[in-house]
Amino acid sequence: MPVHLESRDTRGLGMHACAWRRLGRLAHFLAGLVSALAVEIHWALTLVGFLVFLVYEGDEEKVLGDALFQEMLEYGLGFYAGTAVLLLLSAI
């Protein structure tokens, strides 16, 4: 049975690689969003959330050669969205 290389990625996710990448992007965005909103509970949660994400993604970059810059961008977009929500709520 021939292997079609275009249907596989480096992680071996097969034809569902596109769906996994989209889910990963959403997860990075949501991690940033939750980190920003966590300041309502305690400011340290925001810092810890960011540091845990940074360490995890840094290790993933080192081990897998993952796209750290792209994942940090997705996290940052979520963080900015969470900050915008907080600003809008404080204006009400």
Protein backbone atom coordinates (compact mmCIF):
# COMPACT_ATOMS: atom_id res chain seq x y z
CA MET A 1 0.00 0.00 0.00
CA PRO A 2 1.61 3.31 -1.05
CA VAL A 3 2.02 6.09 1.47
CA HIS A 4 0.85 9.49 0.30
CA LEU A 5 3.21 11.97 1.90
CA GLU A 6 0.96 14.93 1.25
CA SER A 7 -1.67 13.45 3.58
CA ARG A 8 0.79 13.20 6.50
CA ASP A 9 2.65 15.79 8.51
CA THR A 10 5.78 15.50 10.65
CA ARG A 11 3.79 14.46 13.72
CA GLY A 12 2.06 11.62 11.91
CA LEU A 13 -1.39 13.09 12.37
CA GLY A 14 -2.44 11.91 8.94
CA MET A 15 -5.35 13.42 7.06
CA HIS A 16 -6.69 15.03 10.25
CA ALA A 17 -3.62 17.24 10.62
CA CYS A 18 -5.50 20.35 9.49
CA ALA A 19 -8.19 19.82 12.13
CA TRP A 20 -5.53 19.28 14.82
CA ARG A 21 -3.73 22.48 13.79
CA ARG A 22 -6.99 24.44 14.02
CA LEU A 23 -7.70 22.97 17.43
CA GLY A 24 -4.18 23.90 18.53
CA ARG A 25 -4.65 27.48 17.34
CA LEU A 26 -7.91 27.70 19.24
CA ALA A 27 -6.27 26.27 22.37
CA HIS A 28 -3.45 28.85 22.21
CA PHE A 29 -5.97 31.66 21.75
CA LEU A 30 -8.09 30.42 24.66
CA ALA A 31 -5.01 30.08 26.89
CA GLY A 32 -4.25 33.74 26.28
CA LEU A 33 -7.86 34.74 26.82
CA VAL A 34 -8.09 32.87 30.13
CA SER A 35 -4.74 34.28 31.25
CA ALA A 36 -5.98 37.82 30.68
CA LEU A 37 -9.31 37.23 32.40
CA ALA A 38 -7.65 35.52 35.36
CA VAL A 39 -6.50 38.93 36.59
CA GLU A 40 -10.03 39.35 37.95
CA ILE A 41 -9.29 36.57 40.44
CA HIS A 42 -5.67 37.47 41.26
CA TRP A 43 -2.93 39.18 39.24
CA ALA A 44 -0.51 36.30 39.91
CA LEU A 45 -2.71 33.88 37.94
CA THR A 46 -2.09 35.92 34.81
CA LEU A 47 1.65 35.78 35.34
CA VAL A 48 1.65 32.07 36.17
CA GLY A 49 -0.57 31.29 33.17
CA PHE A 50 1.82 33.08 30.84
CA LEU A 51 4.94 31.49 32.34
CA VAL A 52 3.49 27.98 32.18
CA PHE A 53 2.51 28.53 28.54
CA LEU A 54 5.95 29.93 27.71
CA VAL A 55 7.82 27.03 29.35
CA TYR A 56 5.55 24.45 27.70
CA GLU A 57 5.85 26.00 24.25
CA GLY A 58 9.61 26.51 24.66
CA ASP A 59 10.02 22.82 25.47
CA GLU A 60 7.83 21.86 22.52
CA GLU A 61 10.00 24.05 20.27
CA LYS A 62 13.16 22.39 21.58
CA VAL A 63 11.88 18.81 21.31
CA LEU A 64 9.62 18.97 18.24
CA GLY A 65 10.93 22.01 16.41
CA ASP A 66 7.44 23.46 16.71
CA ALA A 67 6.48 26.96 15.56
CA LEU A 68 6.99 28.88 18.83
CA PHE A 69 6.57 32.31 17.24
CA GLN A 70 3.21 31.41 15.66
CA GLU A 71 1.93 29.85 18.88
CA MET A 72 2.97 32.88 20.94
CA LEU A 73 1.15 35.09 18.43
CA GLU A 74 -2.03 33.04 18.88
CA TYR A 75 -1.66 33.29 22.66
CA GLY A 76 -1.09 37.03 22.38
CA LEU A 77 -4.22 37.51 20.28
CA GLY A 78 -6.24 35.73 22.95
CA PHE A 79 -4.61 37.82 25.65
CA TYR A 80 -5.44 41.04 23.81
CA ALA A 81 -9.02 39.86 23.28
CA GLY A 82 -9.33 39.15 27.01
CA THR A 83 -7.90 42.54 27.85
CA ALA A 84 -10.37 44.19 25.47
CA VAL A 85 -13.24 42.37 27.20
CA LEU A 86 -12.01 43.59 30.60
CA LEU A 87 -11.73 47.15 29.32
CA LEU A 88 -15.22 47.07 27.84
CA LEU A 89 -16.68 45.64 31.04
CA SER A 90 -14.95 48.27 33.17
CA ALA A 91 -16.44 51.02 31.01
CA ILE A 92 -19.98 49.82 31.67
